[in-house]
């Protein structure tokens, strides 16, 4: 390796404080790598054999945890295998098309597509797990440079010139072990999150009547004799409402002395546009405006995303963000929120909704118990579970941020 790029990271394990500096070189001088291969065109049935074929790795099959998915989406036939590239278990691969920069160390023998690179040989002592983290960091840096944080394309030639910093093998192994342990914690917490989500899904299947039924499979004891649930169209519960239209020239990107204006792209996120306090107060008093607890619904883009209005000063894009004017005489908003989460957002004849019009919203049916106390009991149960899920999501995000900061300290900054 070249001696031109000796660098020391900000964080170093005590036993390596006095070790030699890291040595840098270009990727082409560190490893031998190549693209996979597959006969063209992709769609010919003779290239595939779902019964007797071998696993065939494509971009889709590479997970976000340095591993392949348990099974590949497709299996390659013997005919296609002759024109593809075989890789044994334990090979480092990286995606170079589609979702670029996903890295995996394969856990089974397979054939590999041309949309990925495979590393065949290293010219120095390299710990594979450490090297996988190095590749991950490289692409994270490239994403920061790319417009919108998205790498649209990468070639083997460009990748060849990427600069890599490498310490001695024991230090590589120590870093790999540290980060792998943290990844195991994140994986365990993610599994816990999935269990919570599965538990909620199963609970809702029991607490709400199934299709064609009017009584749920499970009912809280005090409501077991309350009879059948009611079924109504949303239009029978309330009228669809929306805020007054705001024109682009009435908004500013400067939040100073302004009220957040949520468009469909920022709905449920951070606002990037603001309106004056005066305009907000005028429109709020003259036109439709949600009350605290009303459930805002995305009516375009991803249909059916929901946000409960908490009363904070904010304004919402007309027609793209709507809500039901519900007086809660039939259905409590807290219960309706959970009804929305299981609604299949489609037209009355079963068609796909590309935009949720008022007529579509009014025709959507929901089931609910007559007794508001039962509604409240179900809503409270599910909301408690939602709170646990939210805490778990935040815990995972904090672990990921910790890992990101740790990696930034454990790996030297790359100077172009």
Protein backbone atom coordinates (compact mmCIF):
# COMPACT_ATOMS: atom_id res chain seq x y z
CA UNK A 1 0.00 0.00 0.00
CA UNK A 2 0.96 3.61 -0.53
CA UNK A 3 2.46 5.40 2.46
CA UNK A 4 1.04 8.76 1.39
CA UNK A 5 -2.16 8.60 3.45
CA UNK A 6 -1.19 7.64 7.02
CA UNK A 7 -4.05 8.72 9.28
CA UNK A 8 -5.16 8.16 12.89
CA UNK A 9 -8.85 8.08 13.91
CA UNK A 10 -10.26 10.31 16.65
CA UNK A 11 -11.24 7.29 18.77
CA UNK A 12 -8.88 4.40 19.35
CA UNK A 13 -9.02 1.46 21.73
CA UNK A 14 -6.41 1.79 24.53
CA UNK A 15 -4.37 -1.21 23.40
CA UNK A 16 -3.81 0.46 20.03
CA UNK A 17 -2.96 3.97 21.22
CA UNK A 18 0.71 3.42 20.44
CA UNK A 19 0.18 1.28 17.35
CA UNK A 20 1.25 2.37 13.92
CA UNK A 21 -0.88 4.79 11.95
CA UNK A 22 -3.52 3.58 9.56
CA UNK A 23 -2.38 3.18 5.97
CA UNK A 24 -4.45 4.43 3.07
CA UNK A 25 -4.70 3.35 -0.54
CA UNK A 26 -7.21 3.13 -3.35
CA UNK A 27 -9.64 0.25 -3.40
CA UNK A 28 -8.14 -1.19 -6.59
CA UNK A 29 -4.83 -1.65 -4.76
CA UNK A 30 -6.47 -3.29 -1.76
CA UNK A 31 -8.79 -5.86 -3.30
CA UNK A 32 -9.66 -7.69 -6.48
CA UNK A 33 -13.32 -7.24 -7.35
CA UNK A 34 -15.66 -7.65 -10.29
CA UNK A 35 -19.30 -7.43 -11.30
CA UNK A 36 -21.63 -10.39 -11.30
CA UNK A 37 -23.34 -11.55 -14.47
CA UNK A 38 -26.64 -12.82 -15.83
CA UNK A 39 -27.82 -13.71 -19.34
CA UNK A 40 -30.08 -11.22 -21.06
CA UNK A 41 -32.94 -10.47 -21.30
CA UNK A 42 -33.92 -10.94 -17.68
CA UNK A 43 -37.50 -12.03 -18.31
CA UNK A 44 -36.93 -15.34 -20.13
CA UNK A 45 -38.42 -18.21 -18.09
CA UNK A 46 -35.59 -20.61 -19.00
CA UNK A 47 -33.20 -18.55 -16.86
CA UNK A 48 -35.11 -19.46 -13.67
CA UNK A 49 -35.90 -22.64 -11.75
CA UNK A 50 -37.84 -22.10 -8.52
CA UNK A 51 -37.80 -25.81 -7.66
CA UNK A 52 -34.27 -27.05 -8.30
CA UNK A 53 -32.38 -23.82 -8.96
CA UNK A 54 -29.59 -22.19 -6.93
CA UNK A 55 -30.07 -18.89 -5.05
CA UNK A 56 -29.64 -15.90 -7.38
CA UNK A 57 -28.64 -12.65 -5.64
CA UNK A 58 -30.06 -9.38 -6.95
CA UNK A 59 -30.21 -5.95 -5.31
CA UNK A 60 -33.55 -6.82 -3.70
CA UNK A 61 -31.95 -9.71 -1.82
CA UNK A 62 -29.38 -7.60 0.05
CA UNK A 63 -30.64 -6.53 3.47
CA UNK A 64 -29.69 -3.50 5.54
CA UNK A 65 -27.85 -5.54 8.18
CA UNK A 66 -24.78 -6.71 6.23
CA UNK A 67 -26.60 -9.94 5.43
CA UNK A 68 -28.65 -11.37 2.60
CA UNK A 69 -32.32 -11.99 3.12
CA UNK A 70 -32.95 -15.60 4.27
CA UNK A 71 -34.03 -16.60 0.76
CA UNK A 72 -33.42 -14.95 -2.60
CA UNK A 73 -36.43 -13.77 -4.56
CA UNK A 74 -35.39 -15.87 -7.57
CA UNK A 75 -33.50 -19.10 -8.20
CA UNK A 76 -31.26 -19.48 -11.22
CA UNK A 77 -31.53 -22.41 -13.64
CA UNK A 78 -28.57 -24.57 -14.68
CA UNK A 79 -28.70 -22.97 -18.13
CA UNK A 80 -28.41 -19.43 -16.75
CA UNK A 81 -25.84 -20.48 -14.14
CA UNK A 82 -23.41 -21.25 -16.95
CA UNK A 83 -23.52 -17.55 -17.88
CA UNK A 84 -23.56 -16.11 -14.36
CA UNK A 85 -20.98 -15.86 -11.54
CA UNK A 86 -20.89 -18.25 -8.59
CA UNK A 87 -19.86 -16.97 -5.16
CA UNK A 88 -19.28 -19.10 -2.07
CA UNK A 89 -20.66 -18.39 1.37
CA UNK A 90 -18.71 -15.62 3.13
CA UNK A 91 -18.18 -13.41 0.05
CA UNK A 92 -18.41 -9.62 0.44
CA UNK A 93 -20.79 -8.04 -2.07
CA UNK A 94 -22.11 -4.52 -2.65
CA UNK A 95 -25.00 -3.16 -4.71
CA UNK A 96 -24.05 -0.76 -7.52
CA UNK A 97 -27.48 -0.18 -9.08
CA UNK A 98 -30.90 0.61 -7.62
CA UNK A 99 -30.37 0.92 -3.87
CA UNK A 100 -26.65 1.63 -4.22
CA UNK A 101 -24.20 0.93 -1.42
CA UNK A 102 -25.86 -1.93 0.44
CA UNK A 103 -23.18 -4.32 1.70
CA UNK A 104 -23.47 -7.96 2.72
CA UNK A 105 -21.29 -10.88 3.69
CA UNK A 106 -23.16 -13.78 2.08
CA UNK A 107 -24.37 -16.55 4.38
CA UNK A 108 -24.98 -19.13 1.64
CA UNK A 109 -23.57 -20.17 -1.74
CA UNK A 110 -25.24 -18.37 -4.64
CA UNK A 111 -24.97 -16.85 -8.09
CA UNK A 112 -24.77 -13.07 -8.38
CA UNK A 113 -26.31 -10.53 -10.73
CA UNK A 114 -24.47 -7.85 -12.71
CA UNK A 115 -26.04 -5.16 -10.50
CA UNK A 116 -23.61 -6.09 -7.70
CA UNK A 117 -19.88 -6.24 -7.16
CA UNK A 118 -18.17 -9.15 -5.46
CA UNK A 119 -14.79 -9.06 -3.74
CA UNK A 120 -12.73 -12.08 -4.79
CA UNK A 121 -9.37 -11.46 -3.13
CA UNK A 122 -7.54 -9.11 -0.75
CA UNK A 123 -3.90 -8.20 -1.23
CA UNK A 124 -3.24 -7.67 2.50
CA UNK A 125 -4.56 -9.02 5.80
CA UNK A 126 -8.20 -7.90 5.93
CA UNK A 127 -10.97 -8.78 8.34
CA UNK A 128 -14.09 -9.20 6.22
CA UNK A 129 -16.47 -7.74 8.77
CA UNK A 130 -14.24 -4.69 9.21
CA UNK A 131 -14.04 -4.26 5.44
CA UNK A 132 -17.84 -4.43 5.14
CA UNK A 133 -18.10 -1.52 7.61
CA UNK A 134 -15.45 0.39 5.63
CA UNK A 135 -17.48 0.02 2.43
CA UNK A 136 -20.63 1.10 4.25
CA UNK A 137 -18.89 4.24 5.54
CA UNK A 138 -17.56 5.06 2.08
CA UNK A 139 -21.01 5.05 0.57
CA UNK A 140 -22.47 7.04 3.45
CA UNK A 141 -19.87 9.73 2.66
CA UNK A 142 -20.73 9.56 -1.04
CA UNK A 143 -24.42 10.01 -0.21
CA UNK A 144 -23.61 13.24 1.63
CA UNK A 145 -21.95 14.53 -1.55
CA UNK A 146 -24.75 13.44 -3.89
CA UNK A 147 -27.72 15.72 -4.74
CA UNK A 148 -30.60 14.89 -2.43
CA UNK A 149 -28.43 12.32 -0.63
CA UNK A 150 -29.07 9.74 -3.36
CA UNK A 151 -26.32 8.10 -5.40
CA UNK A 152 -27.91 7.54 -8.80
CA UNK A 153 -25.14 5.48 -10.32
CA UNK A 154 -21.69 4.10 -9.57
CA UNK A 155 -19.28 2.25 -11.82
CA UNK A 156 -16.52 -0.21 -11.04
CA UNK A 157 -14.04 2.32 -12.42
CA UNK A 158 -15.20 5.06 -10.05
CA UNK A 159 -15.22 2.63 -7.15
CA UNK A 160 -11.64 1.61 -7.97
CA UNK A 161 -10.42 5.09 -7.02
CA UNK A 162 -12.18 5.17 -3.66
CA UNK A 163 -9.71 5.76 -0.84
CA UNK A 164 -9.58 3.22 1.99
CA UNK A 165 -7.81 3.51 5.33
CA UNK A 166 -6.70 0.26 7.00
CA UNK A 167 -5.14 -0.42 10.45
CA UNK A 168 -3.32 -3.59 11.48
CA UNK A 169 -5.36 -6.80 11.59
CA UNK A 170 -5.89 -6.96 15.40
CA UNK A 171 -7.28 -3.41 15.39
CA UNK A 172 -9.53 -4.27 12.43
CA UNK A 173 -10.88 -7.23 14.38
CA UNK A 174 -11.45 -5.14 17.52
CA UNK A 175 -13.43 -2.51 15.58
CA UNK A 176 -15.41 -5.18 13.76
CA UNK A 177 -16.24 -6.91 17.04
CA UNK A 178 -17.34 -3.63 18.67
CA UNK A 179 -19.61 -2.62 15.81
CA UNK A 180 -20.97 -6.14 15.34
CA UNK A 181 -21.94 -6.25 19.02
CA UNK A 182 -23.79 -2.96 18.63
CA UNK A 183 -25.52 -4.25 15.51
CA UNK A 184 -26.63 -7.30 17.48
CA UNK A 185 -28.22 -5.01 20.06
CA UNK A 186 -29.96 -3.02 17.32
CA UNK A 187 -31.16 -6.26 15.70
CA UNK A 188 -32.55 -7.50 19.03
CA UNK A 189 -34.36 -4.21 19.62
CA UNK A 190 -35.69 -4.28 16.05
CA UNK A 191 -36.98 -7.79 16.65
CA UNK A 192 -38.72 -6.52 19.77
CA UNK A 193 -40.31 -3.76 17.70
CA UNK A 194 -41.57 -6.29 15.16
CA UNK A 195 -43.02 -8.41 17.97
CA UNK A 196 -44.87 -5.38 19.33
CA UNK A 197 -46.24 -4.57 15.88
CA UNK A 198 -47.29 -8.19 15.34
CA UNK A 199 -48.94 -8.21 18.77
CA UNK A 200 -50.90 -5.08 17.89
CA UNK A 201 -51.92 -6.53 14.54
CA UNK A 202 -53.19 -9.71 16.19
CA UNK A 203 -54.94 -7.72 18.91
CA UNK A 204 -56.76 -5.57 16.37
CA UNK A 205 -57.86 -8.66 14.44
CA UNK A 206 -59.49 -9.90 17.64
CA UNK A 207 -60.82 -6.58 18.96
CA UNK A 208 -62.49 -5.61 15.66
CA UNK A 209 -65.10 -7.75 13.87
CA UNK A 210 -63.81 -9.64 10.83
CA UNK A 211 -65.28 -9.09 7.36
CA UNK A 212 -68.92 -10.10 7.34
CA UNK A 213 -69.09 -10.20 11.16
CA UNK A 214 -70.71 -7.74 13.58
CA UNK A 215 -69.18 -8.98 16.81
CA UNK A 216 -65.41 -9.20 17.49
CA UNK A 217 -63.72 -12.47 18.48
CA UNK A 218 -62.57 -10.92 21.76
CA UNK A 219 -64.51 -8.50 23.91
CA UNK A 220 -63.72 -6.95 27.26
CA UNK A 221 -65.76 -8.75 29.92
CA UNK A 222 -67.93 -5.80 30.87
CA UNK A 223 -69.16 -5.45 27.27
CA UNK A 224 -69.76 -9.11 26.39
CA UNK A 225 -73.56 -8.68 26.44
CA UNK A 226 -73.69 -5.36 24.56
CA UNK A 227 -74.77 -6.91 21.27
CA UNK A 228 -73.68 -6.27 17.70
CA UNK A 229 -71.47 -3.41 16.58
CA UNK A 230 -72.84 -0.71 14.30
CA UNK A 231 -71.58 -0.17 10.76
CA UNK A 232 -71.74 3.24 9.10
CA UNK A 233 -70.27 5.09 6.17
CA UNK A 234 -67.95 7.90 7.26
CA UNK A 235 -70.32 10.32 5.54
CA UNK A 236 -73.00 9.29 8.06
CA UNK A 237 -70.65 10.19 10.91
CA UNK A 238 -69.45 13.59 9.69
CA UNK A 239 -68.59 15.73 6.70
CA UNK A 240 -65.14 15.86 5.09
CA UNK A 241 -63.44 19.19 5.82
CA UNK A 242 -60.26 20.99 4.76
CA UNK A 243 -58.48 24.27 5.37
CA UNK A 244 -58.82 27.32 3.15
CA UNK A 245 -56.48 27.35 0.18
CA UNK A 246 -53.09 28.96 0.72
CA UNK A 247 -51.27 30.23 -2.37
CA UNK A 248 -47.53 29.96 -2.79
CA UNK A 249 -47.03 33.72 -2.66
CA UNK A 250 -48.69 33.70 0.80
CA UNK A 251 -45.95 31.45 2.19
CA UNK A 252 -42.34 31.96 3.17
CA UNK A 253 -39.46 29.63 3.97
CA UNK A 254 -38.53 31.84 6.94
CA UNK A 255 -40.04 30.48 10.18
CA UNK A 256 -39.51 33.77 12.04
CA UNK A 257 -42.87 35.05 13.32
CA UNK A 258 -44.63 32.51 11.09
CA UNK A 259 -47.03 29.60 11.48
CA UNK A 260 -45.98 26.17 10.07
CA UNK A 261 -47.80 25.36 6.84
CA UNK A 262 -47.89 21.62 6.17
CA UNK A 263 -48.09 20.42 2.60
CA UNK A 264 -48.55 16.81 1.59
CA UNK A 265 -44.76 16.37 1.34
CA UNK A 266 -44.18 17.57 4.91
CA UNK A 267 -47.34 16.12 6.46
CA UNK A 268 -46.34 14.41 9.70
CA UNK A 269 -42.81 15.78 9.40
CA UNK A 270 -41.05 19.15 9.70
CA UNK A 271 -42.71 22.05 7.88
CA UNK A 272 -40.63 23.87 5.24
CA UNK A 273 -43.12 26.68 4.60
CA UNK A 274 -44.80 29.25 6.86
CA UNK A 275 -47.66 31.72 6.75
CA UNK A 276 -48.11 34.95 8.67
CA UNK A 277 -49.78 34.93 12.07
CA UNK A 278 -52.33 37.42 10.78
CA UNK A 279 -53.36 35.20 7.86
CA UNK A 280 -53.49 32.18 10.15
CA UNK A 281 -55.77 33.89 12.66
CA UNK A 282 -58.05 35.22 9.89
CA UNK A 283 -58.43 31.89 8.06
CA UNK A 284 -58.74 29.94 11.29
CA UNK A 285 -61.67 32.10 12.40
CA UNK A 286 -63.46 32.34 9.02
CA UNK A 287 -63.06 28.88 7.50
CA UNK A 288 -62.87 25.21 8.40
CA UNK A 289 -60.13 24.39 10.89
CA UNK A 290 -59.50 21.18 12.85
CA UNK A 291 -60.27 21.01 16.55
CA UNK A 292 -57.94 19.32 19.01
CA UNK A 293 -58.23 15.56 18.54
CA UNK A 294 -59.43 15.67 14.95
CA UNK A 295 -57.67 13.13 12.75
CA UNK A 296 -55.96 14.61 9.70
CA UNK A 297 -55.76 12.31 6.66
CA UNK A 298 -53.43 12.49 3.66
CA UNK A 299 -55.61 12.64 0.54
CA UNK A 300 -52.84 12.41 -2.05
CA UNK A 301 -49.46 10.72 -2.34
CA UNK A 302 -49.57 7.86 0.18
CA UNK A 303 -53.30 7.81 0.88
CA UNK A 304 -54.47 7.35 4.46
CA UNK A 305 -51.52 8.58 6.52
CA UNK A 306 -53.01 9.96 9.73
CA UNK A 307 -51.96 12.60 12.24
CA UNK A 308 -53.95 13.65 15.29
CA UNK A 309 -54.18 17.45 15.52
CA UNK A 310 -52.79 18.42 18.93
CA UNK A 311 -53.80 22.09 18.91
CA UNK A 312 -50.36 23.50 18.09
CA UNK A 313 -50.43 26.52 15.76
CA UNK A 314 -50.30 25.04 12.26
CA UNK A 315 -52.11 25.23 8.94
CA UNK A 316 -52.72 22.46 6.41
CA UNK A 317 -52.81 22.31 2.62
CA UNK A 318 -56.34 22.24 1.27
CA UNK A 319 -57.61 19.13 -0.57
CA UNK A 320 -54.37 17.23 0.12
CA UNK A 321 -54.95 17.07 3.88
CA UNK A 322 -58.52 16.55 5.09
CA UNK A 323 -60.40 15.47 8.20
CA UNK A 324 -63.87 14.34 9.19
CA UNK A 325 -65.98 16.87 11.05
CA UNK A 326 -66.93 14.43 13.80
CA UNK A 327 -69.08 15.60 16.72
CA UNK A 328 -68.30 12.28 18.45
CA UNK A 329 -71.99 11.49 19.10
CA UNK A 330 -71.59 8.13 17.33
CA UNK A 331 -67.85 7.51 17.32
CA UNK A 332 -65.10 8.88 19.52
CA UNK A 333 -62.15 10.31 17.60
CA UNK A 334 -59.79 8.22 19.70
CA UNK A 335 -61.56 5.09 18.47
CA UNK A 336 -61.89 6.39 14.90
CA UNK A 337 -58.12 6.82 14.77
CA UNK A 338 -57.66 3.07 15.12
CA UNK A 339 -60.45 2.42 12.63
CA UNK A 340 -58.50 4.45 10.06
CA UNK A 341 -55.42 2.31 10.62
CA UNK A 342 -57.23 -0.78 9.30
CA UNK A 343 -59.21 0.93 6.53
CA UNK A 344 -58.47 -0.26 3.00
CA UNK A 345 -58.32 3.01 1.14
CA UNK A 346 -60.09 2.26 -2.13
CA UNK A 347 -63.09 3.40 -4.16
CA UNK A 348 -66.55 2.00 -3.46
CA UNK A 349 -66.16 -0.45 -6.38
CA UNK A 350 -62.78 -1.69 -5.07
CA UNK A 351 -60.58 0.44 -7.32
CA UNK A 352 -57.24 1.94 -6.34
CA UNK A 353 -57.39 5.50 -5.01
CA UNK A 354 -54.76 7.85 -6.46
CA UNK A 355 -56.44 10.78 -4.72
CA UNK A 356 -58.89 10.65 -1.85
CA UNK A 357 -61.88 12.74 -2.92
CA UNK A 358 -64.63 13.71 -0.49
CA UNK A 359 -66.97 11.21 -2.12
CA UNK A 360 -64.44 8.42 -1.55
CA UNK A 361 -63.99 9.36 2.09
CA UNK A 362 -67.74 9.54 2.70
CA UNK A 363 -68.29 6.06 1.24
CA UNK A 364 -65.72 4.27 3.41
CA UNK A 365 -67.38 2.02 5.97
CA UNK A 366 -66.32 1.57 9.59
CA UNK A 367 -67.60 -0.67 12.40
CA UNK A 368 -67.85 0.46 16.00
CA UNK A 369 -69.54 -0.57 19.26
CA UNK A 370 -72.59 1.46 20.29
CA UNK A 371 -71.30 2.03 23.80
CA UNK A 372 -68.74 4.89 23.90
CA UNK A 373 -67.20 3.31 26.99
CA UNK A 374 -66.30 0.22 24.96
CA UNK A 375 -64.88 2.46 22.22
CA UNK A 376 -62.76 4.23 24.82
CA UNK A 377 -61.56 0.96 26.37
CA UNK A 378 -60.43 -0.39 22.99
CA UNK A 379 -58.81 2.92 22.03
CA UNK A 380 -56.95 3.15 25.34
CA UNK A 381 -55.68 -0.42 25.00
CA UNK A 382 -54.37 0.15 21.47
CA UNK A 383 -52.99 3.60 22.28
CA UNK A 384 -50.99 2.13 25.17
CA UNK A 385 -49.48 -0.35 22.75
CA UNK A 386 -48.77 2.46 20.27
CA UNK A 387 -46.91 4.30 23.03
CA UNK A 388 -44.71 1.24 23.61
CA UNK A 389 -44.04 0.99 19.87
CA UNK A 390 -43.11 4.69 19.74
CA UNK A 391 -40.67 4.26 22.66
CA UNK A 392 -39.14 1.25 20.93
CA UNK A 393 -38.73 3.13 17.64
CA UNK A 394 -37.02 5.99 19.48
CA UNK A 395 -34.73 3.53 21.30
CA UNK A 396 -33.64 2.02 17.97
CA UNK A 397 -33.06 5.46 16.45
CA UNK A 398 -30.89 6.44 19.42
CA UNK A 399 -28.85 3.24 19.03
CA UNK A 400 -28.39 3.96 15.33
CA UNK A 401 -27.27 7.51 16.09
CA UNK A 402 -24.82 6.15 18.66
CA UNK A 403 -23.46 3.71 16.09
CA UNK A 404 -23.13 6.48 13.50
CA UNK A 405 -21.17 8.67 15.91
CA UNK A 406 -19.03 5.73 16.97
CA UNK A 407 -18.17 4.89 13.37
CA UNK A 408 -17.26 8.50 12.64
CA UNK A 409 -14.82 8.36 15.54
CA UNK A 410 -13.42 4.88 14.90
CA UNK A 411 -12.68 5.52 11.22
CA UNK A 412 -10.33 8.29 10.10
CA UNK A 413 -11.80 11.09 8.02
CA UNK A 414 -11.12 10.62 4.33
CA UNK A 415 -9.41 13.54 2.64
CA UNK A 416 -9.96 13.83 -1.09
